[in-house]
C-alpha cells in the first residue's frame, strides 16, 4: 500500500454548539478514488475544506504530504464575469 498523501484522524468541529464532525477520519493515497456520501448538512463539504486547509478543525490531526496539492472546488462557485458563453 502506498503511503498516504492525506490523512485526517479524529477530526472534530462544532458550529453553534452542535457537533458537525465528531471523530471523522479520511485517508487518501495516490490513485485512490473517494466518494463522500451523506445527507445535506452532514459535514461532507466541511471535511473537504479541512482537507484543503481552508478550515482548521477544533481537534484532531491533519497530515498532508508536502509534495501533495489538495484543492477544494465549491459547490456554488462565484461565476461573476464568467456567466456568458461565447462562440
C-alpha atoms as a PDB file:
ATOM      1  CA  UNK A   1       0.000   0.000   0.000  1.00  0.00           C
ATOM      2  CA  UNK A   2       1.252   3.467  -0.925  1.00  0.00           C
ATOM      3  CA  UNK A   3       1.898   5.945   1.882  1.00  0.00           C
ATOM      4  CA  UNK A   4      -0.968   8.399   2.400  1.00  0.00           C
ATOM      5  CA  UNK A   5      -0.967  11.743   0.619  1.00  0.00           C
ATOM      6  CA  UNK A   6      -3.641  12.926   3.030  1.00  0.00           C
ATOM      7  CA  UNK A   7      -4.625  11.670   6.466  1.00  0.00           C
ATOM      8  CA  UNK A   8      -7.333  13.166   8.673  1.00  0.00           C
ATOM      9  CA  UNK A   9      -7.851  11.491  12.035  1.00  0.00           C
ATOM     10  CA  UNK A  10     -10.151  12.284  14.956  1.00  0.00           C
ATOM     11  CA  UNK A  11     -11.423  15.464  13.311  1.00  0.00           C
ATOM     12  CA  UNK A  12     -13.850  17.425  15.486  1.00  0.00           C
ATOM     13  CA  UNK A  13     -15.674  20.615  14.595  1.00  0.00           C
ATOM     14  CA  UNK A  14     -18.785  22.252  16.034  1.00  0.00           C
ATOM     15  CA  UNK A  15     -20.901  25.130  14.743  1.00  0.00           C
ATOM     16  CA  UNK A  16     -23.132  26.954  17.204  1.00  0.00           C
ATOM     17  CA  UNK A  17     -22.665  24.283  19.853  1.00  0.00           C
ATOM     18  CA  UNK A  18     -23.821  21.487  17.528  1.00  0.00           C
ATOM     19  CA  UNK A  19     -21.184  18.880  16.592  1.00  0.00           C
ATOM     20  CA  UNK A  20     -20.770  18.734  12.816  1.00  0.00           C
ATOM     21  CA  UNK A  21     -17.764  16.410  12.774  1.00  0.00           C
ATOM     22  CA  UNK A  22     -17.043  14.227  15.791  1.00  0.00           C
ATOM     23  CA  UNK A  23     -14.019  11.980  15.286  1.00  0.00           C
ATOM     24  CA  UNK A  24     -14.116  11.949  11.471  1.00  0.00           C
ATOM     25  CA  UNK A  25     -11.290  10.205   9.619  1.00  0.00           C
ATOM     26  CA  UNK A  26     -10.168  10.102   5.990  1.00  0.00           C
ATOM     27  CA  UNK A  27      -7.066   8.647   4.362  1.00  0.00           C
ATOM     28  CA  UNK A  28      -6.153   9.046   0.691  1.00  0.00           C
ATOM     29  CA  UNK A  29      -3.175   7.570  -1.138  1.00  0.00           C
ATOM     30  CA  UNK A  30      -2.020   8.086  -4.731  1.00  0.00           C
ATOM     31  CA  UNK A  31      -4.522   6.608  -7.170  1.00  0.00           C
ATOM     32  CA  UNK A  32      -7.381   6.463  -4.661  1.00  0.00           C
ATOM     33  CA  UNK A  33     -10.866   7.434  -5.730  1.00  0.00           C
ATOM     34  CA  UNK A  34     -13.048   8.734  -2.912  1.00  0.00           C
ATOM     35  CA  UNK A  35     -16.772   9.444  -2.650  1.00  0.00           C
ATOM     36  CA  UNK A  36     -18.315  11.248   0.309  1.00  0.00           C
ATOM     37  CA  UNK A  37     -21.976  10.362   0.619  1.00  0.00           C
ATOM     38  CA  UNK A  38     -24.387  11.736   3.189  1.00  0.00           C
ATOM     39  CA  UNK A  39     -27.372  13.936   3.897  1.00  0.00           C
ATOM     40  CA  UNK A  40     -27.285  17.683   3.425  1.00  0.00           C
ATOM     41  CA  UNK A  41     -25.610  19.320   6.396  1.00  0.00           C
ATOM     42  CA  UNK A  42     -23.759  16.179   7.498  1.00  0.00           C
ATOM     43  CA  UNK A  43     -20.294  17.762   7.077  1.00  0.00           C
ATOM     44  CA  UNK A  44     -19.092  16.445   3.700  1.00  0.00           C
ATOM     45  CA  UNK A  45     -18.061  19.843   2.323  1.00  0.00           C
ATOM     46  CA  UNK A  46     -16.636  20.880   5.682  1.00  0.00           C
ATOM     47  CA  UNK A  47     -14.438  17.774   5.788  1.00  0.00           C
ATOM     48  CA  UNK A  48     -13.149  18.572   2.287  1.00  0.00           C
ATOM     49  CA  UNK A  49     -12.452  22.179   3.316  1.00  0.00           C
ATOM     50  CA  UNK A  50     -10.416  20.866   6.249  1.00  0.00           C
ATOM     51  CA  UNK A  51      -8.541  18.543   3.887  1.00  0.00           C
ATOM     52  CA  UNK A  52      -7.717  21.527   1.647  1.00  0.00           C
ATOM     53  CA  UNK A  53      -6.610  23.673   4.605  1.00  0.00           C
ATOM     54  CA  UNK A  54      -9.429  26.211   4.269  1.00  0.00           C
ATOM     55  CA  UNK A  55     -10.821  25.425   7.743  1.00  0.00           C
ATOM     56  CA  UNK A  56      -8.925  24.311  10.841  1.00  0.00           C
ATOM     57  CA  UNK A  57     -10.534  21.589  12.955  1.00  0.00           C
ATOM     58  CA  UNK A  58     -11.062  22.195  16.661  1.00  0.00           C
ATOM     59  CA  UNK A  59      -9.435  18.847  17.397  1.00  0.00           C
ATOM     60  CA  UNK A  60      -7.786  16.007  15.528  1.00  0.00           C
ATOM     61  CA  UNK A  61      -4.788  15.553  13.278  1.00  0.00           C
ATOM     62  CA  UNK A  62      -4.377  16.696   9.682  1.00  0.00           C
ATOM     63  CA  UNK A  63      -1.466  15.403   7.606  1.00  0.00           C
ATOM     64  CA  UNK A  64      -0.821  16.445   4.012  1.00  0.00           C
ATOM     65  CA  UNK A  65       2.197  15.011   2.231  1.00  0.00           C
ATOM     66  CA  UNK A  66       4.393  18.060   1.464  1.00  0.00           C
ATOM     67  CA  UNK A  67       4.507  17.058  -2.213  1.00  0.00           C
ATOM     68  CA  UNK A  68       0.681  16.787  -2.422  1.00  0.00           C
ATOM     69  CA  UNK A  69      -1.671  19.556  -3.506  1.00  0.00           C
ATOM     70  CA  UNK A  70      -5.190  19.482  -2.065  1.00  0.00           C
ATOM     71  CA  UNK A  71      -7.760  21.849  -3.569  1.00  0.00           C
ATOM     72  CA  UNK A  72     -11.436  22.480  -2.913  1.00  0.00           C
ATOM     73  CA  UNK A  73     -13.929  23.389  -5.652  1.00  0.00           C
ATOM     74  CA  UNK A  74     -17.039  24.945  -4.105  1.00  0.00           C
ATOM     75  CA  UNK A  75     -20.465  23.539  -4.924  1.00  0.00           C
ATOM     76  CA  UNK A  76     -21.623  27.003  -5.935  1.00  0.00           C
ATOM     77  CA  UNK A  77     -18.546  28.748  -7.409  1.00  0.00           C
ATOM     78  CA  UNK A  78     -18.597  32.504  -7.917  1.00  0.00           C
ATOM     79  CA  UNK A  79     -19.096  32.807 -11.674  1.00  0.00           C
ATOM     80  CA  UNK A  80     -19.307  36.606 -11.704  1.00  0.00           C
ATOM     81  CA  UNK A  81     -17.934  37.755 -15.044  1.00  0.00           C
ATOM     82  CA  UNK A  82     -17.971  34.224 -16.494  1.00  0.00           C
ATOM     83  CA  UNK A  83     -21.731  33.617 -16.833  1.00  0.00           C
ATOM     84  CA  UNK A  84     -21.881  34.106 -20.624  1.00  0.00           C
ATOM     85  CA  UNK A  85     -20.570  31.534 -23.071  1.00  0.00           C
ATOM     86  CA  UNK A  86     -19.409  32.967 -26.381  1.00  0.00           C
ATOM     87  CA  UNK A  87     -18.641  31.061 -29.542  1.00  0.00           C
END
